[in-house]
């Protein structure tokens, strides 16, 4: 099972390479023929495989680092003073 999951979600036909309990459950069922509840999938991932909960970092696609630095240096102190 570890090998199948380490291939990534996209290798199993999912659009984004992100695992959810539902997706892992579907792959487990495809590979083994056994249907697991969400709680059982969670136990499989954490207890048996040693995986942990991780959330993807959310960032804007058009993120402008220099504008963020400017805002943090100039605008934030000005706003903070007004409190």
PDB file of N, CA and C in Angstrom:
ATOM      1  N   UNK A   1       0.824  -1.179   0.000  1.00  0.00           N
ATOM      2  CA  UNK A   1       0.000   0.000   0.000  1.00  0.00           C
ATOM      3  C   UNK A   1       0.873   1.248   0.000  1.00  0.00           C
ATOM      4  N   UNK A   2       1.950   1.229   0.776  1.00  0.00           N
ATOM      5  CA  UNK A   2       2.853   2.374   0.843  1.00  0.00           C
ATOM      6  C   UNK A   2       3.359   2.748  -0.550  1.00  0.00           C
ATOM      7  N   UNK A   3       3.742   1.752  -1.325  1.00  0.00           N
ATOM      8  CA  UNK A   3       4.273   2.000  -2.672  1.00  0.00           C
ATOM      9  C   UNK A   3       3.241   2.688  -3.547  1.00  0.00           C
ATOM     10  N   UNK A   4       2.008   2.226  -3.483  1.00  0.00           N
ATOM     11  CA  UNK A   4       0.942   2.826  -4.291  1.00  0.00           C
ATOM     12  C   UNK A   4       0.727   4.284  -3.898  1.00  0.00           C
ATOM     13  N   UNK A   5       0.732   4.584  -2.611  1.00  0.00           N
ATOM     14  CA  UNK A   5       0.512   5.957  -2.160  1.00  0.00           C
ATOM     15  C   UNK A   5       1.716   6.848  -2.445  1.00  0.00           C
ATOM     16  N   UNK A   6       2.902   6.304  -2.346  1.00  0.00           N
ATOM     17  CA  UNK A   6       4.108   7.102  -2.616  1.00  0.00           C
ATOM     18  C   UNK A   6       4.223   7.504  -4.088  1.00  0.00           C
ATOM     19  N   UNK A   7       3.489   6.833  -4.960  1.00  0.00           N
ATOM     20  CA  UNK A   7       3.470   7.216  -6.373  1.00  0.00           C
ATOM     21  C   UNK A   7       2.791   8.568  -6.562  1.00  0.00           C
ATOM     22  N   UNK A   8       2.003   8.980  -5.609  1.00  0.00           N
ATOM     23  CA  UNK A   8       1.306  10.253  -5.683  1.00  0.00           C
ATOM     24  C   UNK A   8      -0.112  10.102  -6.184  1.00  0.00           C
ATOM     25  N   UNK A   9      -0.915  11.091  -5.877  1.00  0.00           N
ATOM     26  CA  UNK A   9      -2.334  11.050  -6.242  1.00  0.00           C
ATOM     27  C   UNK A   9      -2.536  11.123  -7.755  1.00  0.00           C
ATOM     28  N   UNK A  10      -1.697  11.902  -8.445  1.00  0.00           N
ATOM     29  CA  UNK A  10      -1.855  12.028  -9.892  1.00  0.00           C
ATOM     30  C   UNK A  10      -1.607  10.700 -10.600  1.00  0.00           C
ATOM     31  N   UNK A  11      -0.730   9.892 -10.068  1.00  0.00           N
ATOM     32  CA  UNK A  11      -0.457   8.587 -10.671  1.00  0.00           C
ATOM     33  C   UNK A  11      -1.691   7.681 -10.620  1.00  0.00           C
ATOM     34  N   UNK A  12      -2.631   8.025  -9.751  1.00  0.00           N
ATOM     35  CA  UNK A  12      -3.858   7.234  -9.616  1.00  0.00           C
ATOM     36  C   UNK A  12      -5.053   7.927 -10.250  1.00  0.00           C
ATOM     37  N   UNK A  13      -4.786   8.918 -11.096  1.00  0.00           N
ATOM     38  CA  UNK A  13      -5.850   9.544 -11.873  1.00  0.00           C
ATOM     39  C   UNK A  13      -6.467  10.788 -11.279  1.00  0.00           C
ATOM     40  N   UNK A  14      -5.953  11.282 -10.168  1.00  0.00           N
ATOM     41  CA  UNK A  14      -6.499  12.497  -9.577  1.00  0.00           C
ATOM     42  C   UNK A  14      -5.808  13.707 -10.198  1.00  0.00           C
ATOM     43  N   UNK A  15      -6.555  14.792 -10.361  1.00  0.00           N
ATOM     44  CA  UNK A  15      -6.026  15.980 -11.040  1.00  0.00           C
ATOM     45  C   UNK A  15      -4.894  16.636 -10.251  1.00  0.00           C
ATOM     46  N   UNK A  16      -5.101  16.845  -8.976  1.00  0.00           N
ATOM     47  CA  UNK A  16      -4.083  17.481  -8.129  1.00  0.00           C
ATOM     48  C   UNK A  16      -3.330  16.401  -7.356  1.00  0.00           C
ATOM     49  N   UNK A  17      -2.057  16.616  -7.139  1.00  0.00           N
ATOM     50  CA  UNK A  17      -1.238  15.646  -6.415  1.00  0.00           C
ATOM     51  C   UNK A  17      -1.358  15.891  -4.912  1.00  0.00           C
ATOM     52  N   UNK A  18      -2.575  15.699  -4.414  1.00  0.00           N
ATOM     53  CA  UNK A  18      -2.905  15.959  -3.021  1.00  0.00           C
ATOM     54  C   UNK A  18      -3.733  14.786  -2.510  1.00  0.00           C
ATOM     55  N   UNK A  19      -3.303  14.226  -1.383  1.00  0.00           N
ATOM     56  CA  UNK A  19      -4.047  13.109  -0.816  1.00  0.00           C
ATOM     57  C   UNK A  19      -5.093  13.621   0.158  1.00  0.00           C
ATOM     58  N   UNK A  20      -6.279  13.060   0.085  1.00  0.00           N
ATOM     59  CA  UNK A  20      -7.330  13.264   1.082  1.00  0.00           C
ATOM     60  C   UNK A  20      -7.714  11.878   1.591  1.00  0.00           C
ATOM     61  N   UNK A  21      -8.434  11.825   2.688  1.00  0.00           N
ATOM     62  CA  UNK A  21      -8.862  10.523   3.203  1.00  0.00           C
ATOM     63  C   UNK A  21      -9.721   9.788   2.183  1.00  0.00           C
ATOM     64  N   UNK A  22     -10.566  10.535   1.486  1.00  0.00           N
ATOM     65  CA  UNK A  22     -11.439   9.914   0.484  1.00  0.00           C
ATOM     66  C   UNK A  22     -10.608   9.317  -0.654  1.00  0.00           C
ATOM     67  N   UNK A  23      -9.618  10.054  -1.115  1.00  0.00           N
ATOM     68  CA  UNK A  23      -8.781   9.565  -2.212  1.00  0.00           C
ATOM     69  C   UNK A  23      -7.977   8.344  -1.793  1.00  0.00           C
ATOM     70  N   UNK A  24      -7.413   8.392  -0.603  1.00  0.00           N
ATOM     71  CA  UNK A  24      -6.649   7.231  -0.119  1.00  0.00           C
ATOM     72  C   UNK A  24      -7.576   6.029  -0.009  1.00  0.00           C
ATOM     73  N   UNK A  25      -8.792   6.253   0.488  1.00  0.00           N
ATOM     74  CA  UNK A  25      -9.761   5.163   0.591  1.00  0.00           C
ATOM     75  C   UNK A  25     -10.075   4.535  -0.757  1.00  0.00           C
ATOM     76  N   UNK A  26     -10.212   5.378  -1.789  1.00  0.00           N
ATOM     77  CA  UNK A  26     -10.472   4.858  -3.132  1.00  0.00           C
ATOM     78  C   UNK A  26      -9.302   4.031  -3.644  1.00  0.00           C
ATOM     79  N   UNK A  27      -8.083   4.500  -3.425  1.00  0.00           N
ATOM     80  CA  UNK A  27      -6.904   3.763  -3.892  1.00  0.00           C
ATOM     81  C   UNK A  27      -6.775   2.448  -3.134  1.00  0.00           C
ATOM     82  N   UNK A  28      -7.016   2.464  -1.829  1.00  0.00           N
ATOM     83  CA  UNK A  28      -6.974   1.226  -1.037  1.00  0.00           C
ATOM     84  C   UNK A  28      -7.974   0.234  -1.599  1.00  0.00           C
ATOM     85  N   UNK A  29      -9.167   0.712  -1.923  1.00  0.00           N
ATOM     86  CA  UNK A  29     -10.197  -0.188  -2.456  1.00  0.00           C
ATOM     87  C   UNK A  29      -9.802  -0.731  -3.831  1.00  0.00           C
ATOM     88  N   UNK A  30      -9.224   0.119  -4.684  1.00  0.00           N
ATOM     89  CA  UNK A  30      -8.785  -0.345  -6.013  1.00  0.00           C
ATOM     90  C   UNK A  30      -7.677  -1.389  -5.903  1.00  0.00           C
ATOM     91  N   UNK A  31      -6.727  -1.151  -5.002  1.00  0.00           N
ATOM     92  CA  UNK A  31      -5.551  -2.023  -4.898  1.00  0.00           C
ATOM     93  C   UNK A  31      -5.879  -3.323  -4.162  1.00  0.00           C
ATOM     94  N   UNK A  32      -6.644  -3.221  -3.076  1.00  0.00           N
ATOM     95  CA  UNK A  32      -6.864  -4.402  -2.236  1.00  0.00           C
ATOM     96  C   UNK A  32      -8.262  -4.995  -2.343  1.00  0.00           C
ATOM     97  N   UNK A  33      -9.219  -4.191  -2.845  1.00  0.00           N
ATOM     98  CA  UNK A  33     -10.596  -4.657  -2.881  1.00  0.00           C
ATOM     99  C   UNK A  33     -11.317  -4.482  -1.564  1.00  0.00           C
ATOM    100  N   UNK A  34     -10.657  -3.848  -0.588  1.00  0.00           N
ATOM    101  CA  UNK A  34     -11.245  -3.650   0.736  1.00  0.00           C
ATOM    102  C   UNK A  34     -11.679  -2.195   0.874  1.00  0.00           C
ATOM    103  N   UNK A  35     -12.934  -1.987   1.284  1.00  0.00           N
ATOM    104  CA  UNK A  35     -13.456  -0.646   1.497  1.00  0.00           C
ATOM    105  C   UNK A  35     -13.266  -0.271   2.962  1.00  0.00           C
ATOM    106  N   UNK A  36     -12.605   0.881   3.197  1.00  0.00           N
ATOM    107  CA  UNK A  36     -12.339   1.330   4.562  1.00  0.00           C
ATOM    108  C   UNK A  36     -13.123   2.599   4.870  1.00  0.00           C
ATOM    109  N   UNK A  37     -13.503   2.754   6.134  1.00  0.00           N
ATOM    110  CA  UNK A  37     -14.136   3.999   6.569  1.00  0.00           C
ATOM    111  C   UNK A  37     -13.060   5.075   6.646  1.00  0.00           C
ATOM    112  N   UNK A  38     -13.491   6.336   6.747  1.00  0.00           N
ATOM    113  CA  UNK A  38     -12.516   7.435   6.880  1.00  0.00           C
ATOM    114  C   UNK A  38     -11.635   7.236   8.115  1.00  0.00           C
ATOM    115  N   UNK A  39     -12.234   6.789   9.212  1.00  0.00           N
ATOM    116  CA  UNK A  39     -11.464   6.565  10.442  1.00  0.00           C
ATOM    117  C   UNK A  39     -10.413   5.475  10.229  1.00  0.00           C
ATOM    118  N   UNK A  40     -10.777   4.437   9.513  1.00  0.00           N
ATOM    119  CA  UNK A  40      -9.823   3.354   9.243  1.00  0.00           C
ATOM    120  C   UNK A  40      -8.710   3.817   8.310  1.00  0.00           C
ATOM    121  N   UNK A  41      -9.042   4.665   7.346  1.00  0.00           N
ATOM    122  CA  UNK A  41      -8.010   5.213   6.463  1.00  0.00           C
ATOM    123  C   UNK A  41      -7.049   6.051   7.282  1.00  0.00           C
ATOM    124  N   UNK A  42      -7.586   6.863   8.195  1.00  0.00           N
ATOM    125  CA  UNK A  42      -6.740   7.705   9.059  1.00  0.00           C
ATOM    126  C   UNK A  42      -5.794   6.832   9.891  1.00  0.00           C
ATOM    127  N   UNK A  43      -6.322   5.761  10.477  1.00  0.00           N
ATOM    128  CA  UNK A  43      -5.480   4.857  11.267  1.00  0.00           C
ATOM    129  C   UNK A  43      -4.417   4.190  10.404  1.00  0.00           C
ATOM    130  N   UNK A  44      -4.770   3.812   9.195  1.00  0.00           N
ATOM    131  CA  UNK A  44      -3.807   3.220   8.273  1.00  0.00           C
ATOM    132  C   UNK A  44      -2.663   4.187   8.013  1.00  0.00           C
ATOM    133  N   UNK A  45      -3.013   5.433   7.708  1.00  0.00           N
ATOM    134  CA  UNK A  45      -1.986   6.426   7.376  1.00  0.00           C
ATOM    135  C   UNK A  45      -1.111   6.780   8.569  1.00  0.00           C
ATOM    136  N   UNK A  46      -1.714   6.981   9.731  1.00  0.00           N
ATOM    137  CA  UNK A  46      -0.944   7.452  10.884  1.00  0.00           C
ATOM    138  C   UNK A  46      -0.267   6.324  11.657  1.00  0.00           C
ATOM    139  N   UNK A  47      -0.986   5.280  11.964  1.00  0.00           N
ATOM    140  CA  UNK A  47      -0.428   4.207  12.798  1.00  0.00           C
ATOM    141  C   UNK A  47       0.441   3.236  12.012  1.00  0.00           C
ATOM    142  N   UNK A  48      -0.057   2.787  10.894  1.00  0.00           N
ATOM    143  CA  UNK A  48       0.675   1.767  10.135  1.00  0.00           C
ATOM    144  C   UNK A  48       1.762   2.341   9.254  1.00  0.00           C
ATOM    145  N   UNK A  49       1.472   3.478   8.576  1.00  0.00           N
ATOM    146  CA  UNK A  49       2.444   4.033   7.635  1.00  0.00           C
ATOM    147  C   UNK A  49       3.285   5.151   8.245  1.00  0.00           C
ATOM    148  N   UNK A  50       2.866   5.662   9.395  1.00  0.00           N
ATOM    149  CA  UNK A  50       3.632   6.715  10.063  1.00  0.00           C
ATOM    150  C   UNK A  50       3.522   8.080   9.399  1.00  0.00           C
ATOM    151  N   UNK A  51       2.484   8.274   8.593  1.00  0.00           N
ATOM    152  CA  UNK A  51       2.281   9.564   7.928  1.00  0.00           C
ATOM    153  C   UNK A  51       1.588  10.521   8.892  1.00  0.00           C
ATOM    154  N   UNK A  52       1.683  11.813   8.637  1.00  0.00           N
ATOM    155  CA  UNK A  52       1.038  12.802   9.493  1.00  0.00           C
ATOM    156  C   UNK A  52       0.239  13.780   8.647  1.00  0.00           C
ATOM    157  N   UNK A  53      -0.635  14.503   9.309  1.00  0.00           N
ATOM    158  CA  UNK A  53      -1.459  15.503   8.645  1.00  0.00           C
ATOM    159  C   UNK A  53      -0.573  16.657   8.182  1.00  0.00           C
ATOM    160  N   UNK A  54      -0.700  17.021   6.936  1.00  0.00           N
ATOM    161  CA  UNK A  54       0.017  18.166   6.390  1.00  0.00           C
ATOM    162  C   UNK A  54      -0.941  18.920   5.491  1.00  0.00           C
ATOM    163  N   UNK A  55      -0.897  20.207   5.593  1.00  0.00           N
ATOM    164  CA  UNK A  55      -1.769  21.039   4.764  1.00  0.00           C
ATOM    165  C   UNK A  55      -0.905  21.811   3.775  1.00  0.00           C
ATOM    166  N   UNK A  56      -1.344  21.890   2.530  1.00  0.00           N
ATOM    167  CA  UNK A  56      -0.556  22.646   1.560  1.00  0.00           C
ATOM    168  C   UNK A  56      -0.543  24.125   1.914  1.00  0.00           C
ATOM    169  N   UNK A  57       0.578  24.775   1.662  1.00  0.00           N
ATOM    170  CA  UNK A  57       0.687  26.204   1.913  1.00  0.00           C
ATOM    171  C   UNK A  57      -0.070  26.937   0.807  1.00  0.00           C
ATOM    172  N   UNK A  58      -0.922  27.823   1.195  1.00  0.00           N
ATOM    173  CA  UNK A  58      -1.722  28.559   0.215  1.00  0.00           C
ATOM    174  C   UNK A  58      -1.036  29.880  -0.105  1.00  0.00           C
ATOM    175  N   UNK A  59      -0.715  30.071  -1.355  1.00  0.00           N
ATOM    176  CA  UNK A  59      -0.100  31.311  -1.817  1.00  0.00           C
ATOM    177  C   UNK A  59      -0.750  31.741  -3.116  1.00  0.00           C
ATOM    178  N   UNK A  60      -0.841  33.035  -3.292  1.00  0.00           N
ATOM    179  CA  UNK A  60      -1.412  33.562  -4.515  1.00  0.00           C
ATOM    180  C   UNK A  60      -0.507  33.233  -5.698  1.00  0.00           C
ATOM    181  N   UNK A  61      -1.087  32.952  -6.830  1.00  0.00           N
ATOM    182  CA  UNK A  61      -0.325  32.640  -8.030  1.00  0.00           C
ATOM    183  C   UNK A  61       0.496  33.845  -8.475  1.00  0.00           C
ATOM    184  N   UNK A  62      -0.094  35.026  -8.380  1.00  0.00           N
ATOM    185  CA  UNK A  62       0.582  36.246  -8.824  1.00  0.00           C
ATOM    186  C   UNK A  62       1.211  36.979  -7.644  1.00  0.00           C
ATOM    187  N   UNK A  63       1.835  36.276  -6.763  1.00  0.00           N
ATOM    188  CA  UNK A  63       2.462  36.837  -5.569  1.00  0.00           C
ATOM    189  C   UNK A  63       3.666  37.694  -5.959  1.00  0.00           C
ATOM    190  N   UNK A  64       3.747  38.899  -5.411  1.00  0.00           N
ATOM    191  CA  UNK A  64       4.831  39.836  -5.710  1.00  0.00           C
ATOM    192  C   UNK A  64       5.632  40.075  -4.434  1.00  0.00           C
ATOM    193  N   UNK A  65       6.767  39.396  -4.306  1.00  0.00           N
ATOM    194  CA  UNK A  65       7.592  39.471  -3.101  1.00  0.00           C
ATOM    195  C   UNK A  65       8.056  40.877  -2.771  1.00  0.00           C
ATOM    196  N   UNK A  66       8.429  41.664  -3.777  1.00  0.00           N
ATOM    197  CA  UNK A  66       8.917  43.018  -3.511  1.00  0.00           C
ATOM    198  C   UNK A  66       7.781  43.916  -3.008  1.00  0.00           C
ATOM    199  N   UNK A  67       6.586  43.733  -3.517  1.00  0.00           N
ATOM    200  CA  UNK A  67       5.443  44.521  -3.044  1.00  0.00           C
ATOM    201  C   UNK A  67       5.083  44.131  -1.616  1.00  0.00           C
ATOM    202  N   UNK A  68       5.198  42.867  -1.290  1.00  0.00           N
ATOM    203  CA  UNK A  68       4.929  42.407   0.074  1.00  0.00           C
ATOM    204  C   UNK A  68       5.939  43.025   1.032  1.00  0.00           C
ATOM    205  N   UNK A  69       7.212  43.018   0.653  1.00  0.00           N
ATOM    206  CA  UNK A  69       8.264  43.607   1.494  1.00  0.00           C
ATOM    207  C   UNK A  69       8.017  45.106   1.690  1.00  0.00           C
ATOM    208  N   UNK A  70       7.635  45.806   0.614  1.00  0.00           N
ATOM    209  CA  UNK A  70       7.349  47.241   0.710  1.00  0.00           C
ATOM    210  C   UNK A  70       6.177  47.488   1.651  1.00  0.00           C
ATOM    211  N   UNK A  71       5.111  46.728   1.505  1.00  0.00           N
ATOM    212  CA  UNK A  71       3.926  46.897   2.331  1.00  0.00           C
ATOM    213  C   UNK A  71       4.256  46.636   3.797  1.00  0.00           C
ATOM    214  N   UNK A  72       5.028  45.569   4.049  1.00  0.00           N
ATOM    215  CA  UNK A  72       5.388  45.214   5.422  1.00  0.00           C
ATOM    216  C   UNK A  72       6.248  46.296   6.063  1.00  0.00           C
ATOM    217  N   UNK A  73       7.152  46.886   5.293  1.00  0.00           N
ATOM    218  CA  UNK A  73       8.061  47.904   5.828  1.00  0.00           C
ATOM    219  C   UNK A  73       7.393  49.266   5.992  1.00  0.00           C
ATOM    220  N   UNK A  74       6.474  49.630   5.107  1.00  0.00           N
ATOM    221  CA  UNK A  74       5.927  50.990   5.112  1.00  0.00           C
ATOM    222  C   UNK A  74       4.471  51.080   5.561  1.00  0.00           C
ATOM    223  N   UNK A  75       3.622  50.253   4.997  1.00  0.00           N
ATOM    224  CA  UNK A  75       2.195  50.358   5.286  1.00  0.00           C
ATOM    225  C   UNK A  75       1.812  49.769   6.641  1.00  0.00           C
ATOM    226  N   UNK A  76       2.331  48.604   6.962  1.00  0.00           N
ATOM    227  CA  UNK A  76       1.955  47.946   8.209  1.00  0.00           C
ATOM    228  C   UNK A  76       2.305  48.791   9.431  1.00  0.00           C
ATOM    229  N   UNK A  77       3.521  49.375   9.522  1.00  0.00           N
ATOM    230  CA  UNK A  77       3.807  50.231  10.690  1.00  0.00           C
ATOM    231  C   UNK A  77       2.844  51.429  10.788  1.00  0.00           C
ATOM    232  N   UNK A  78       2.485  52.001   9.643  1.00  0.00           N
ATOM    233  CA  UNK A  78       1.555  53.132   9.628  1.00  0.00           C
ATOM    234  C   UNK A  78       0.169  52.697  10.150  1.00  0.00           C
ATOM    235  N   UNK A  79      -0.275  51.564   9.693  1.00  0.00           N
ATOM    236  CA  UNK A  79      -1.580  51.046  10.126  1.00  0.00           C
ATOM    237  C   UNK A  79      -1.550  50.692  11.607  1.00  0.00           C
ATOM    238  N   UNK A  80      -0.472  50.077  12.025  1.00  0.00           N
ATOM    239  CA  UNK A  80      -0.334  49.635  13.420  1.00  0.00           C
ATOM    240  C   UNK A  80      -0.350  50.828  14.380  1.00  0.00           C
ATOM    241  N   UNK A  81       0.241  51.959  13.975  1.00  0.00           N
ATOM    242  CA  UNK A  81       0.260  53.161  14.806  1.00  0.00           C
ATOM    243  C   UNK A  81      -1.158  53.676  15.078  1.00  0.00           C
ATOM    244  N   UNK A  82      -2.036  53.519  14.098  1.00  0.00           N
ATOM    245  CA  UNK A  82      -3.398  54.025  14.220  1.00  0.00           C
ATOM    246  C   UNK A  82      -4.266  53.265  15.188  1.00  0.00           C
ATOM    247  N   UNK A  83      -3.802  52.187  15.723  1.00  0.00           N
ATOM    248  CA  UNK A  83      -4.605  51.377  16.659  1.00  0.00           C
ATOM    249  C   UNK A  83      -4.815  52.073  17.978  1.00  0.00           C
TER     250      UNK A  83
END
